[in-house]
Amino acid sequence: MRALFIEHDYVSLGGPIWRAFEARGYEIERFLIVPKEKYATPNVTVEFPDFSKFDIIVPMGAPYGVYETERVGNWLLPELDLLKKAHNAGQPIFGICFGGQLMAKTLGGSVARAPKAELGWYEIETNDPSIISKGPWFEYHWDRWVSPPLATEIARTDLAVQAFTLGRTLALQFHPEINIEVLDEWLAMDGGCAEVESEGVEVEALRAQTKALQPITDQNAFDLVNTFLDRIATAQVVPVN
């Protein structure tokens, strides 16, 4: 079995999510869209792999907006089209943050800038803790979505919808892949620490909290992947126009 992780930037590590899929027998294949040397000029042209060759599609996070077609449209628009075709063909999709926003957009919802950021560890409201627990989950986003008309919203904060399902798609606003290794990669990017501190979050306190929570958050990530594979990836296919 093969899981395709679509990495929109060069720091999209999968952390416990990789390990959870591997524990279920999946081979991880990574596809990078914007390499490090193109980070400042991300409107690259890429040839996507054949999604139909994979059992699971996992579009990851990104520092770009789903609405920024002038900035990243060369790859964004083809990816939206491919994801819609995969969803309608019944391929399970596990969208994380920007990847969740992609699924909201391509399945009939919308994405826009939020009035403020969510950054750090949060507990969330959930309609179904057996699918999405209250967390804690890691937030790192400035955008939010309006869910597609056919979607079932599962979780939210006061600011943003945090998860929906639609057929065999699970869209997440939070980052279940975060551990200290992944966080350190993000903070090592140019401006990473300044970006965090601009939202009133102290970097070293965030590192310490992430380390302290890791046994819990790793288990949350494994539970989420297992639930996705057992209940959502096997659900009835619900195509959209």
Protein backbone atom coordinates (compact mmCIF):
# COMPACT_ATOMS: atom_id res chain seq x y z
CA MET A 1 0.00 0.00 0.00
CA ARG A 2 1.23 3.48 -0.86
CA ALA A 3 0.51 6.90 0.63
CA LEU A 4 1.42 10.02 -1.35
CA PHE A 5 2.41 12.99 0.82
CA ILE A 6 2.20 16.20 -1.21
CA GLU A 7 4.71 18.62 0.32
CA HIS A 8 4.08 22.18 -0.80
CA ASP A 9 7.26 23.50 0.81
CA TYR A 10 10.60 22.07 1.90
CA VAL A 11 9.83 21.75 5.63
CA SER A 12 6.73 19.54 5.42
CA LEU A 13 7.87 16.69 7.63
CA GLY A 14 5.24 14.11 8.60
CA GLY A 15 6.37 13.33 12.14
CA PRO A 16 4.00 10.89 13.88
CA ILE A 17 1.64 10.90 10.90
CA TRP A 18 4.32 9.21 8.78
CA ARG A 19 4.91 6.67 11.52
CA ALA A 20 1.19 6.00 11.94
CA PHE A 21 0.70 5.24 8.25
CA GLU A 22 3.85 3.10 8.21
CA ALA A 23 2.57 1.14 11.22
CA ARG A 24 -0.50 0.29 9.15
CA GLY A 25 1.65 -1.04 6.32
CA TYR A 26 1.82 2.01 4.05
CA GLU A 27 4.90 2.96 2.08
CA ILE A 28 5.40 6.72 2.23
CA GLU A 29 6.17 8.53 -1.01
CA ARG A 30 6.98 12.23 -0.78
CA PHE A 31 6.36 14.72 -3.60
CA LEU A 32 7.89 18.19 -3.13
CA ILE A 33 6.38 21.10 -5.05
CA VAL A 34 8.37 24.21 -4.01
CA PRO A 35 12.03 23.43 -3.21
CA LYS A 36 14.07 25.55 -0.84
CA GLU A 37 15.77 27.51 -3.61
CA LYS A 38 12.36 28.56 -5.00
CA TYR A 39 10.79 29.48 -1.67
CA ALA A 40 10.77 33.22 -2.47
CA THR A 41 9.48 32.63 -6.02
CA PRO A 42 7.08 29.73 -5.50
CA ASN A 43 5.05 29.85 -8.74
CA VAL A 44 6.85 26.83 -10.11
CA THR A 45 5.58 24.41 -12.75
CA VAL A 46 5.57 20.76 -11.75
CA GLU A 47 4.46 17.45 -13.16
CA PHE A 48 2.35 15.74 -10.53
CA PRO A 49 2.53 11.99 -10.06
CA ASP A 50 -0.43 9.86 -11.09
CA PHE A 51 -2.69 10.05 -8.04
CA SER A 52 -4.51 6.89 -9.09
CA LYS A 53 -1.37 4.86 -8.36
CA PHE A 54 -1.70 5.59 -4.62
CA ASP A 55 -4.01 4.26 -1.95
CA ILE A 56 -4.05 7.44 0.15
CA ILE A 57 -3.39 11.10 -0.76
CA VAL A 58 -2.09 13.43 1.98
CA PRO A 59 -1.85 17.11 0.93
CA MET A 60 0.22 18.88 3.57
CA GLY A 61 0.53 22.43 4.87
CA ALA A 62 1.99 25.49 3.15
CA PRO A 63 2.79 29.17 3.78
CA TYR A 64 0.64 30.16 0.80
CA GLY A 65 -3.08 30.88 0.45
CA VAL A 66 -5.48 28.67 -1.49
CA TYR A 67 -6.78 31.92 -3.04
CA GLU A 68 -3.31 33.12 -4.19
CA THR A 69 -3.55 32.04 -7.81
CA GLU A 70 -1.29 34.86 -9.02
CA ARG A 71 1.40 33.75 -6.55
CA VAL A 72 1.24 29.95 -6.94
CA GLY A 73 -1.38 29.25 -9.61
CA ASN A 74 0.99 27.29 -11.86
CA TRP A 75 0.76 24.34 -9.48
CA LEU A 76 -2.20 25.27 -7.27
CA LEU A 77 -4.88 25.10 -9.97
CA PRO A 78 -3.71 21.72 -11.37
CA GLU A 79 -3.52 20.32 -7.83
CA LEU A 80 -7.08 21.42 -7.03
CA ASP A 81 -8.28 19.67 -10.19
CA LEU A 82 -6.36 16.48 -9.42
CA LEU A 83 -7.63 16.37 -5.85
CA LYS A 84 -11.22 16.76 -6.99
CA LYS A 85 -10.83 13.92 -9.48
CA ALA A 86 -9.22 11.73 -6.80
CA HIS A 87 -12.02 12.47 -4.34
CA ASN A 88 -14.70 11.72 -6.90
CA ALA A 89 -12.95 8.46 -7.82
CA GLY A 90 -13.15 7.37 -4.18
CA GLN A 91 -9.51 7.79 -3.23
CA PRO A 92 -9.16 8.56 0.49
CA ILE A 93 -7.69 12.02 1.15
CA PHE A 94 -6.24 13.23 4.46
CA GLY A 95 -5.78 17.01 4.13
CA ILE A 96 -3.68 18.88 6.69
CA CYS A 97 -4.00 22.68 7.21
CA PHE A 98 -3.38 24.11 3.70
CA GLY A 99 -4.24 20.61 2.48
CA GLY A 100 -7.53 20.79 4.36
CA GLN A 101 -8.17 24.21 2.86
CA LEU A 102 -7.49 22.78 -0.60
CA MET A 103 -10.18 20.16 0.01
CA ALA A 104 -12.63 22.77 1.27
CA LYS A 105 -12.09 24.82 -1.90
CA THR A 106 -12.13 21.98 -4.41
CA LEU A 107 -15.24 20.34 -2.91
CA GLY A 108 -17.37 23.48 -3.05
CA GLY A 109 -16.43 25.61 -0.04
CA SER A 110 -14.25 28.69 0.15
CA VAL A 111 -11.10 29.92 1.88
CA ALA A 112 -10.22 33.45 3.04
CA ARG A 113 -7.94 35.30 5.42
CA ALA A 114 -9.01 34.98 9.04
CA PRO A 115 -9.25 38.06 11.28
CA LYS A 116 -6.32 36.75 13.32
CA ALA A 117 -3.93 33.81 13.52
CA GLU A 118 -4.21 30.65 15.56
CA LEU A 119 -0.72 29.61 16.62
CA GLY A 120 0.22 27.13 19.34
CA TRP A 121 -1.44 24.26 21.21
CA TYR A 122 -5.24 24.34 21.48
CA GLU A 123 -8.05 22.19 22.69
CA ILE A 124 -10.96 22.27 20.24
CA GLU A 125 -14.70 21.69 20.25
CA THR A 126 -15.68 18.38 18.68
CA ASN A 127 -19.02 16.89 17.71
CA ASP A 128 -17.54 13.39 17.54
CA PRO A 129 -14.55 12.71 19.80
CA SER A 130 -14.33 9.19 18.36
CA ILE A 131 -13.13 10.79 15.10
CA ILE A 132 -11.54 14.06 16.27
CA SER A 133 -10.58 14.31 19.92
CA LYS A 134 -10.45 17.64 21.68
CA GLY A 135 -6.66 17.51 21.48
CA PRO A 136 -4.45 19.27 22.26
CA TRP A 137 -3.77 19.98 18.58
CA PHE A 138 -1.21 22.34 17.06
CA GLU A 139 -2.49 25.37 15.15
CA TYR A 140 -0.39 27.44 12.73
CA HIS A 141 -2.60 29.32 10.29
CA TRP A 142 -3.85 32.73 9.21
CA ASP A 143 -6.62 31.53 6.87
CA ARG A 144 -9.90 29.69 7.46
CA TRP A 145 -12.49 27.94 5.33
CA VAL A 146 -16.23 27.77 4.80
CA SER A 147 -17.01 24.06 4.54
CA PRO A 148 -18.45 22.54 1.34
CA PRO A 149 -22.27 22.21 1.29
CA LEU A 150 -22.17 18.39 1.45
CA ALA A 151 -19.57 18.24 4.22
CA THR A 152 -20.11 17.16 7.82
CA GLU A 153 -18.32 19.53 10.16
CA ILE A 154 -16.80 17.70 13.11
CA ALA A 155 -14.68 20.21 15.04
CA ARG A 156 -14.11 23.93 15.47
CA THR A 157 -12.64 26.71 17.56
CA ASP A 158 -14.18 30.13 18.05
CA LEU A 159 -12.18 31.29 15.02
CA ALA A 160 -12.31 28.48 12.47
CA VAL A 161 -13.72 25.13 11.46
CA GLN A 162 -11.12 22.54 12.40
CA ALA A 163 -12.31 19.41 10.61
CA PHE A 164 -14.88 18.08 8.18
CA THR A 165 -15.57 14.83 6.41
CA LEU A 166 -17.09 14.38 2.97
CA GLY A 167 -17.16 10.88 1.57
CA ARG A 168 -13.63 9.51 1.90
CA THR A 169 -12.04 12.91 2.54
CA LEU A 170 -10.98 14.20 5.95
CA ALA A 171 -9.97 17.87 6.04
CA LEU A 172 -8.08 19.22 9.05
CA GLN A 173 -7.19 22.81 9.90
CA PHE A 174 -4.75 21.82 12.67
CA HIS A 175 -1.39 20.05 12.34
CA PRO A 176 -1.41 16.51 13.79
CA GLU A 177 2.11 15.93 12.42
CA ILE A 178 3.81 18.35 14.81
CA ASN A 179 6.48 17.16 17.21
CA ILE A 180 9.63 18.92 18.38
CA GLU A 181 11.59 17.86 15.27
CA VAL A 182 8.97 19.29 12.92
CA LEU A 183 8.56 22.46 14.96
CA ASP A 184 12.30 23.08 15.00
CA GLU A 185 12.39 22.77 11.20
CA TRP A 186 9.68 25.40 10.92
CA LEU A 187 11.38 27.73 13.38
CA ALA A 188 14.69 27.38 11.51
CA MET A 189 13.19 28.88 8.36
CA ASP A 190 14.00 32.52 7.60
CA GLY A 191 11.68 34.58 9.77
CA GLY A 192 10.21 31.53 11.51
CA CYS A 193 10.90 32.64 15.07
CA ALA A 194 9.92 36.23 14.32
CA GLU A 195 6.63 35.07 12.81
CA VAL A 196 5.78 33.11 15.95
CA GLU A 197 6.74 35.94 18.29
CA SER A 198 4.75 38.45 16.22
CA GLU A 199 1.64 36.59 17.39
CA GLY A 200 2.63 36.95 21.04
CA VAL A 201 3.96 33.39 21.39
CA GLU A 202 7.33 32.94 23.12
CA VAL A 203 9.48 30.55 21.07
CA GLU A 204 11.26 28.74 23.89
CA ALA A 205 8.02 28.29 25.81
CA LEU A 206 6.44 26.80 22.68
CA ARG A 207 9.38 24.40 22.28
CA ALA A 208 9.13 23.34 25.91
CA GLN A 209 5.37 22.81 25.68
CA THR A 210 5.78 20.76 22.50
CA LYS A 211 8.37 18.51 24.12
CA ALA A 212 6.25 18.05 27.23
CA LEU A 213 3.11 17.21 25.25
CA GLN A 214 4.74 14.89 22.72
CA PRO A 215 3.72 11.56 24.30
CA ILE A 216 0.10 12.73 24.27
CA THR A 217 0.16 14.39 20.87
CA ASP A 218 1.94 11.46 19.19
CA GLN A 219 -0.81 9.17 20.47
CA ASN A 220 -3.47 11.63 19.27
CA ALA A 221 -1.90 11.54 15.81
CA PHE A 222 -1.83 7.72 15.72
CA ASP A 223 -5.44 7.52 16.89
CA LEU A 224 -6.50 10.00 14.23
CA VAL A 225 -4.79 8.10 11.39
CA ASN A 226 -6.23 4.80 12.56
CA THR A 227 -9.73 6.27 12.73
CA PHE A 228 -9.31 7.80 9.28
CA LEU A 229 -8.23 4.47 7.80
CA ASP A 230 -10.88 2.43 9.57
CA ARG A 231 -13.90 4.70 9.20
CA ILE A 232 -13.39 7.46 6.64
CA ALA A 233 -11.19 5.81 4.01
CA THR A 234 -13.78 3.03 3.77
CA ALA A 235 -16.88 5.27 3.75
CA GLN A 236 -19.36 5.62 0.91
CA VAL A 237 -18.02 7.66 -2.00
CA VAL A 238 -19.71 11.08 -2.26
CA PRO A 239 -18.77 12.79 -5.53
CA VAL A 240 -19.16 16.55 -6.03
CA ASN A 241 -19.75 18.55 -9.18
